[in-house]
């Protein structure tokens, strides 16, 4: 182990500080200054989003890049916290900071799938098929279980056999609209996951 006296330590740190200060003032080798580095996000498109992981509802900025060619698709290359968002003010938790891995995961579900009762395999279906199936099942359940009046004869117009959970990516406005739609159906079991 090397032993430094206090005087030797001050000399080493002082000379290092002086050298770095000279470099900052322009007294550095010209070869180091000859290269101009490109800012990696200079040609990207920025999209504001809400993180999908939990109910906090942090704001994120997603940077995507494409060369603008006819058949080229935008590809997300960077994700960071939105400094203008009132919830997280630019910070992200470890899950939110790893959203880029989630976006590019080969296991990410991109299409609706259906597994029939008793089956062990999932089958892909179109969005139209999925939404039509959901609509039909909701209508059948509401028609079978809607309660117009309680035992006292009071009008209650409620539907107790189905509940709704709004997504974590919902804003206050989207949550408000979801609440109004669900209540108009007579749903009582309703929660909005995000608290934005």
C-alpha atoms as a PDB file:
ATOM      1  CA  UNK A   1       0.000   0.000   0.000  1.00  0.00           C
ATOM      2  CA  UNK A   2       1.382   3.387  -1.004  1.00  0.00           C
ATOM      3  CA  UNK A   3       1.575   5.930   1.798  1.00  0.00           C
ATOM      4  CA  UNK A   4       0.992   9.602   0.952  1.00  0.00           C
ATOM      5  CA  UNK A   5       1.721  12.419   3.283  1.00  0.00           C
ATOM      6  CA  UNK A   6      -0.759  15.256   3.431  1.00  0.00           C
ATOM      7  CA  UNK A   7       1.638  17.496   1.486  1.00  0.00           C
ATOM      8  CA  UNK A   8       2.061  14.870  -1.303  1.00  0.00           C
ATOM      9  CA  UNK A   9      -1.702  14.386  -1.521  1.00  0.00           C
ATOM     10  CA  UNK A  10      -2.265  18.142  -1.907  1.00  0.00           C
ATOM     11  CA  UNK A  11       0.406  18.321  -4.659  1.00  0.00           C
ATOM     12  CA  UNK A  12      -1.194  15.473  -6.658  1.00  0.00           C
ATOM     13  CA  UNK A  13      -4.751  16.784  -6.361  1.00  0.00           C
ATOM     14  CA  UNK A  14      -3.639  20.365  -7.032  1.00  0.00           C
ATOM     15  CA  UNK A  15      -1.798  19.430 -10.219  1.00  0.00           C
ATOM     16  CA  UNK A  16      -4.770  17.361 -11.394  1.00  0.00           C
ATOM     17  CA  UNK A  17      -7.123  20.260 -10.765  1.00  0.00           C
ATOM     18  CA  UNK A  18      -4.808  22.683 -12.586  1.00  0.00           C
ATOM     19  CA  UNK A  19      -4.529  20.318 -15.587  1.00  0.00           C
ATOM     20  CA  UNK A  20      -8.281  19.847 -15.894  1.00  0.00           C
ATOM     21  CA  UNK A  21      -8.858  23.603 -15.531  1.00  0.00           C
ATOM     22  CA  UNK A  22      -6.408  24.309 -18.346  1.00  0.00           C
ATOM     23  CA  UNK A  23      -8.196  21.753 -20.537  1.00  0.00           C
ATOM     24  CA  UNK A  24     -11.527  23.466 -19.878  1.00  0.00           C
ATOM     25  CA  UNK A  25     -10.061  26.847 -20.827  1.00  0.00           C
ATOM     26  CA  UNK A  26      -8.938  25.505 -24.201  1.00  0.00           C
ATOM     27  CA  UNK A  27      -5.360  24.445 -23.473  1.00  0.00           C
ATOM     28  CA  UNK A  28      -5.774  20.867 -24.657  1.00  0.00           C
ATOM     29  CA  UNK A  29      -4.445  18.830 -27.592  1.00  0.00           C
ATOM     30  CA  UNK A  30      -6.009  19.794 -30.920  1.00  0.00           C
ATOM     31  CA  UNK A  31      -6.615  16.159 -31.899  1.00  0.00           C
ATOM     32  CA  UNK A  32      -9.059  15.782 -29.023  1.00  0.00           C
ATOM     33  CA  UNK A  33     -11.032  18.837 -30.153  1.00  0.00           C
ATOM     34  CA  UNK A  34     -11.126  17.888 -33.849  1.00  0.00           C
ATOM     35  CA  UNK A  35     -14.006  15.418 -33.531  1.00  0.00           C
ATOM     36  CA  UNK A  36     -17.584  16.696 -33.253  1.00  0.00           C
ATOM     37  CA  UNK A  37     -19.900  14.175 -31.629  1.00  0.00           C
ATOM     38  CA  UNK A  38     -23.479  13.907 -32.843  1.00  0.00           C
ATOM     39  CA  UNK A  39     -26.260  14.217 -30.289  1.00  0.00           C
ATOM     40  CA  UNK A  40     -27.991  10.821 -30.430  1.00  0.00           C
ATOM     41  CA  UNK A  41     -31.519  12.257 -30.138  1.00  0.00           C
ATOM     42  CA  UNK A  42     -31.096  15.063 -32.704  1.00  0.00           C
ATOM     43  CA  UNK A  43     -33.169  13.500 -35.516  1.00  0.00           C
ATOM     44  CA  UNK A  44     -35.746  11.712 -33.380  1.00  0.00           C
ATOM     45  CA  UNK A  45     -39.470  12.203 -32.935  1.00  0.00           C
ATOM     46  CA  UNK A  46     -40.585  12.775 -29.326  1.00  0.00           C
ATOM     47  CA  UNK A  47     -43.872  11.334 -28.067  1.00  0.00           C
ATOM     48  CA  UNK A  48     -45.273  12.059 -24.600  1.00  0.00           C
ATOM     49  CA  UNK A  49     -46.786   9.020 -22.892  1.00  0.00           C
ATOM     50  CA  UNK A  50     -47.820   7.758 -19.481  1.00  0.00           C
ATOM     51  CA  UNK A  51     -45.877   4.852 -18.003  1.00  0.00           C
ATOM     52  CA  UNK A  52     -47.938   1.652 -18.057  1.00  0.00           C
ATOM     53  CA  UNK A  53     -46.416  -0.181 -15.108  1.00  0.00           C
ATOM     54  CA  UNK A  54     -48.266   0.953 -12.000  1.00  0.00           C
ATOM     55  CA  UNK A  55     -50.966   3.299 -10.812  1.00  0.00           C
ATOM     56  CA  UNK A  56     -48.674   6.283 -10.175  1.00  0.00           C
ATOM     57  CA  UNK A  57     -49.047   7.508 -13.770  1.00  0.00           C
ATOM     58  CA  UNK A  58     -45.562   8.939 -14.395  1.00  0.00           C
ATOM     59  CA  UNK A  59     -45.000  10.911 -17.582  1.00  0.00           C
ATOM     60  CA  UNK A  60     -42.430   9.605 -20.055  1.00  0.00           C
ATOM     61  CA  UNK A  61     -40.840  10.837 -23.265  1.00  0.00           C
ATOM     62  CA  UNK A  62     -40.351   8.226 -25.979  1.00  0.00           C
ATOM     63  CA  UNK A  63     -37.835   9.033 -28.720  1.00  0.00           C
ATOM     64  CA  UNK A  64     -38.313   7.203 -32.021  1.00  0.00           C
ATOM     65  CA  UNK A  65     -36.146   7.243 -35.111  1.00  0.00           C
ATOM     66  CA  UNK A  66     -36.836   6.559 -38.774  1.00  0.00           C
ATOM     67  CA  UNK A  67     -35.230   7.706 -41.995  1.00  0.00           C
ATOM     68  CA  UNK A  68     -38.620   8.780 -43.387  1.00  0.00           C
ATOM     69  CA  UNK A  69     -38.605   6.259 -46.231  1.00  0.00           C
ATOM     70  CA  UNK A  70     -41.929   5.018 -47.586  1.00  0.00           C
ATOM     71  CA  UNK A  71     -41.910   1.590 -45.923  1.00  0.00           C
ATOM     72  CA  UNK A  72     -39.807   2.526 -42.872  1.00  0.00           C
ATOM     73  CA  UNK A  73     -41.419   2.313 -39.444  1.00  0.00           C
ATOM     74  CA  UNK A  74     -40.518   4.424 -36.452  1.00  0.00           C
ATOM     75  CA  UNK A  75     -38.472   2.543 -33.878  1.00  0.00           C
ATOM     76  CA  UNK A  76     -38.241   3.629 -30.243  1.00  0.00           C
ATOM     77  CA  UNK A  77     -34.569   4.165 -29.359  1.00  0.00           C
ATOM     78  CA  UNK A  78     -34.726   5.980 -26.009  1.00  0.00           C
ATOM     79  CA  UNK A  79     -37.140   6.419 -23.089  1.00  0.00           C
ATOM     80  CA  UNK A  80     -36.787   8.935 -20.260  1.00  0.00           C
ATOM     81  CA  UNK A  81     -38.900  10.700 -17.654  1.00  0.00           C
ATOM     82  CA  UNK A  82     -40.833  13.804 -18.664  1.00  0.00           C
ATOM     83  CA  UNK A  83     -39.446  16.789 -16.716  1.00  0.00           C
ATOM     84  CA  UNK A  84     -42.654  18.778 -17.364  1.00  0.00           C
ATOM     85  CA  UNK A  85     -44.968  16.094 -15.921  1.00  0.00           C
ATOM     86  CA  UNK A  86     -46.451  17.061 -12.533  1.00  0.00           C
ATOM     87  CA  UNK A  87     -46.331  13.527 -11.090  1.00  0.00           C
ATOM     88  CA  UNK A  88     -42.697  12.476 -11.561  1.00  0.00           C
ATOM     89  CA  UNK A  89     -40.980  15.683 -12.788  1.00  0.00           C
ATOM     90  CA  UNK A  90     -38.532  13.732 -14.964  1.00  0.00           C
ATOM     91  CA  UNK A  91     -37.715  10.871 -12.605  1.00  0.00           C
ATOM     92  CA  UNK A  92     -38.524   7.216 -13.239  1.00  0.00           C
ATOM     93  CA  UNK A  93     -38.404   4.129 -11.061  1.00  0.00           C
ATOM     94  CA  UNK A  94     -36.303   1.150 -12.265  1.00  0.00           C
ATOM     95  CA  UNK A  95     -39.323  -0.399 -14.003  1.00  0.00           C
ATOM     96  CA  UNK A  96     -40.146   2.826 -15.822  1.00  0.00           C
ATOM     97  CA  UNK A  97     -36.503   3.349 -16.751  1.00  0.00           C
ATOM     98  CA  UNK A  98     -36.452  -0.107 -18.387  1.00  0.00           C
ATOM     99  CA  UNK A  99     -39.454   0.555 -20.659  1.00  0.00           C
ATOM    100  CA  UNK A 100     -37.231   0.363 -23.735  1.00  0.00           C
ATOM    101  CA  UNK A 101     -36.681  -3.345 -23.007  1.00  0.00           C
ATOM    102  CA  UNK A 102     -40.440  -3.792 -22.669  1.00  0.00           C
ATOM    103  CA  UNK A 103     -41.091  -2.075 -26.010  1.00  0.00           C
ATOM    104  CA  UNK A 104     -38.591  -4.283 -27.868  1.00  0.00           C
ATOM    105  CA  UNK A 105     -39.327  -7.540 -26.017  1.00  0.00           C
ATOM    106  CA  UNK A 106     -40.015 -10.512 -28.324  1.00  0.00           C
ATOM    107  CA  UNK A 107     -42.575 -11.719 -25.732  1.00  0.00           C
ATOM    108  CA  UNK A 108     -44.624  -8.526 -25.808  1.00  0.00           C
ATOM    109  CA  UNK A 109     -48.280  -9.187 -26.649  1.00  0.00           C
ATOM    110  CA  UNK A 110     -49.295  -7.040 -29.635  1.00  0.00           C
ATOM    111  CA  UNK A 111     -52.568  -8.648 -30.728  1.00  0.00           C
ATOM    112  CA  UNK A 112     -55.681  -9.949 -28.978  1.00  0.00           C
ATOM    113  CA  UNK A 113     -55.661 -13.672 -28.265  1.00  0.00           C
ATOM    114  CA  UNK A 114     -58.381 -16.076 -27.144  1.00  0.00           C
ATOM    115  CA  UNK A 115     -58.203 -19.406 -25.356  1.00  0.00           C
ATOM    116  CA  UNK A 116     -61.378 -21.451 -25.572  1.00  0.00           C
ATOM    117  CA  UNK A 117     -62.647 -23.204 -22.429  1.00  0.00           C
ATOM    118  CA  UNK A 118     -60.759 -26.496 -21.971  1.00  0.00           C
ATOM    119  CA  UNK A 119     -58.165 -25.615 -24.611  1.00  0.00           C
ATOM    120  CA  UNK A 120     -54.452 -25.329 -23.876  1.00  0.00           C
ATOM    121  CA  UNK A 121     -53.517 -23.018 -26.735  1.00  0.00           C
ATOM    122  CA  UNK A 122     -54.106 -19.371 -27.470  1.00  0.00           C
ATOM    123  CA  UNK A 123     -55.367 -18.293 -30.887  1.00  0.00           C
ATOM    124  CA  UNK A 124     -54.823 -14.867 -32.377  1.00  0.00           C
ATOM    125  CA  UNK A 125     -57.916 -12.922 -33.351  1.00  0.00           C
ATOM    126  CA  UNK A 126     -58.451  -9.558 -34.999  1.00  0.00           C
ATOM    127  CA  UNK A 127     -59.287  -6.432 -33.012  1.00  0.00           C
ATOM    128  CA  UNK A 128     -62.748  -6.379 -34.594  1.00  0.00           C
ATOM    129  CA  UNK A 129     -63.398  -9.969 -33.488  1.00  0.00           C
ATOM    130  CA  UNK A 130     -62.137  -9.265 -29.965  1.00  0.00           C
ATOM    131  CA  UNK A 131     -64.192  -6.097 -29.506  1.00  0.00           C
ATOM    132  CA  UNK A 132     -67.299  -7.750 -30.973  1.00  0.00           C
ATOM    133  CA  UNK A 133     -66.883 -10.705 -28.583  1.00  0.00           C
ATOM    134  CA  UNK A 134     -66.401  -8.425 -25.559  1.00  0.00           C
ATOM    135  CA  UNK A 135     -69.432  -6.329 -26.542  1.00  0.00           C
ATOM    136  CA  UNK A 136     -71.620  -9.406 -26.982  1.00  0.00           C
ATOM    137  CA  UNK A 137     -70.582 -10.933 -23.644  1.00  0.00           C
ATOM    138  CA  UNK A 138     -71.136  -7.630 -21.820  1.00  0.00           C
ATOM    139  CA  UNK A 139     -74.593  -7.185 -23.357  1.00  0.00           C
ATOM    140  CA  UNK A 140     -75.631 -10.776 -22.595  1.00  0.00           C
ATOM    141  CA  UNK A 141     -74.496 -10.451 -18.961  1.00  0.00           C
ATOM    142  CA  UNK A 142     -76.185  -7.042 -18.524  1.00  0.00           C
ATOM    143  CA  UNK A 143     -79.452  -8.280 -20.045  1.00  0.00           C
ATOM    144  CA  UNK A 144     -79.446 -11.304 -17.726  1.00  0.00           C
ATOM    145  CA  UNK A 145     -78.414  -9.531 -14.503  1.00  0.00           C
ATOM    146  CA  UNK A 146     -79.577  -5.904 -14.685  1.00  0.00           C
ATOM    147  CA  UNK A 147     -81.588  -4.816 -11.635  1.00  0.00           C
ATOM    148  CA  UNK A 148     -84.085  -2.030 -12.253  1.00  0.00           C
ATOM    149  CA  UNK A 149     -85.727  -1.969  -8.799  1.00  0.00           C
ATOM    150  CA  UNK A 150     -84.762  -3.251  -5.376  1.00  0.00           C
ATOM    151  CA  UNK A 151     -87.020  -5.178  -2.960  1.00  0.00           C
ATOM    152  CA  UNK A 152     -88.627  -1.939  -1.731  1.00  0.00           C
ATOM    153  CA  UNK A 153     -89.651  -0.935  -5.262  1.00  0.00           C
ATOM    154  CA  UNK A 154     -87.082   1.860  -5.505  1.00  0.00           C
ATOM    155  CA  UNK A 155     -85.477   2.434  -8.908  1.00  0.00           C
ATOM    156  CA  UNK A 156     -81.773   1.494  -8.668  1.00  0.00           C
ATOM    157  CA  UNK A 157     -80.735   0.619 -12.268  1.00  0.00           C
ATOM    158  CA  UNK A 158     -77.630  -1.355 -11.303  1.00  0.00           C
ATOM    159  CA  UNK A 159     -75.560  -4.126 -12.782  1.00  0.00           C
ATOM    160  CA  UNK A 160     -73.679  -6.048 -10.083  1.00  0.00           C
ATOM    161  CA  UNK A 161     -72.199  -9.050 -11.922  1.00  0.00           C
ATOM    162  CA  UNK A 162     -69.513  -7.177 -13.884  1.00  0.00           C
ATOM    163  CA  UNK A 163     -66.817  -4.730 -12.831  1.00  0.00           C
ATOM    164  CA  UNK A 164     -64.454  -2.426 -14.652  1.00  0.00           C
ATOM    165  CA  UNK A 165     -60.838  -1.418 -14.034  1.00  0.00           C
ATOM    166  CA  UNK A 166     -59.523   1.491 -16.090  1.00  0.00           C
ATOM    167  CA  UNK A 167     -55.915   1.411 -17.260  1.00  0.00           C
ATOM    168  CA  UNK A 168     -52.877   2.922 -15.563  1.00  0.00           C
ATOM    169  CA  UNK A 169     -52.156   4.958 -18.690  1.00  0.00           C
ATOM    170  CA  UNK A 170     -55.394   6.895 -18.260  1.00  0.00           C
ATOM    171  CA  UNK A 171     -55.349  10.579 -17.448  1.00  0.00           C
ATOM    172  CA  UNK A 172     -57.908  12.312 -15.236  1.00  0.00           C
ATOM    173  CA  UNK A 173     -59.939  13.172 -18.304  1.00  0.00           C
ATOM    174  CA  UNK A 174     -59.944   9.594 -19.655  1.00  0.00           C
ATOM    175  CA  UNK A 175     -60.811   8.299 -16.177  1.00  0.00           C
ATOM    176  CA  UNK A 176     -63.720  10.748 -15.960  1.00  0.00           C
ATOM    177  CA  UNK A 177     -65.121   9.635 -19.327  1.00  0.00           C
ATOM    178  CA  UNK A 178     -64.641   5.956 -18.391  1.00  0.00           C
ATOM    179  CA  UNK A 179     -66.491   6.589 -15.122  1.00  0.00           C
ATOM    180  CA  UNK A 180     -69.407   8.250 -16.914  1.00  0.00           C
ATOM    181  CA  UNK A 181     -69.714   5.413 -19.461  1.00  0.00           C
ATOM    182  CA  UNK A 182     -69.514   2.671 -16.813  1.00  0.00           C
ATOM    183  CA  UNK A 183     -72.069   4.396 -14.576  1.00  0.00           C
ATOM    184  CA  UNK A 184     -74.422   4.869 -17.536  1.00  0.00           C
ATOM    185  CA  UNK A 185     -74.408   1.079 -17.962  1.00  0.00           C
ATOM    186  CA  UNK A 186     -75.319   0.662 -14.301  1.00  0.00           C
ATOM    187  CA  UNK A 187     -71.934  -0.671 -13.167  1.00  0.00           C
ATOM    188  CA  UNK A 188     -71.140  -0.171  -9.496  1.00  0.00           C
ATOM    189  CA  UNK A 189     -67.818  -2.033  -9.349  1.00  0.00           C
ATOM    190  CA  UNK A 190     -65.490   0.503 -10.990  1.00  0.00           C
ATOM    191  CA  UNK A 191     -61.942   1.633 -10.253  1.00  0.00           C
ATOM    192  CA  UNK A 192     -59.404   3.684 -12.161  1.00  0.00           C
ATOM    193  CA  UNK A 193     -55.909   2.297 -11.589  1.00  0.00           C
ATOM    194  CA  UNK A 194     -54.047   5.550 -12.243  1.00  0.00           C
ATOM    195  CA  UNK A 195     -54.355   8.387  -9.775  1.00  0.00           C
ATOM    196  CA  UNK A 196     -53.319  11.108 -12.214  1.00  0.00           C
END
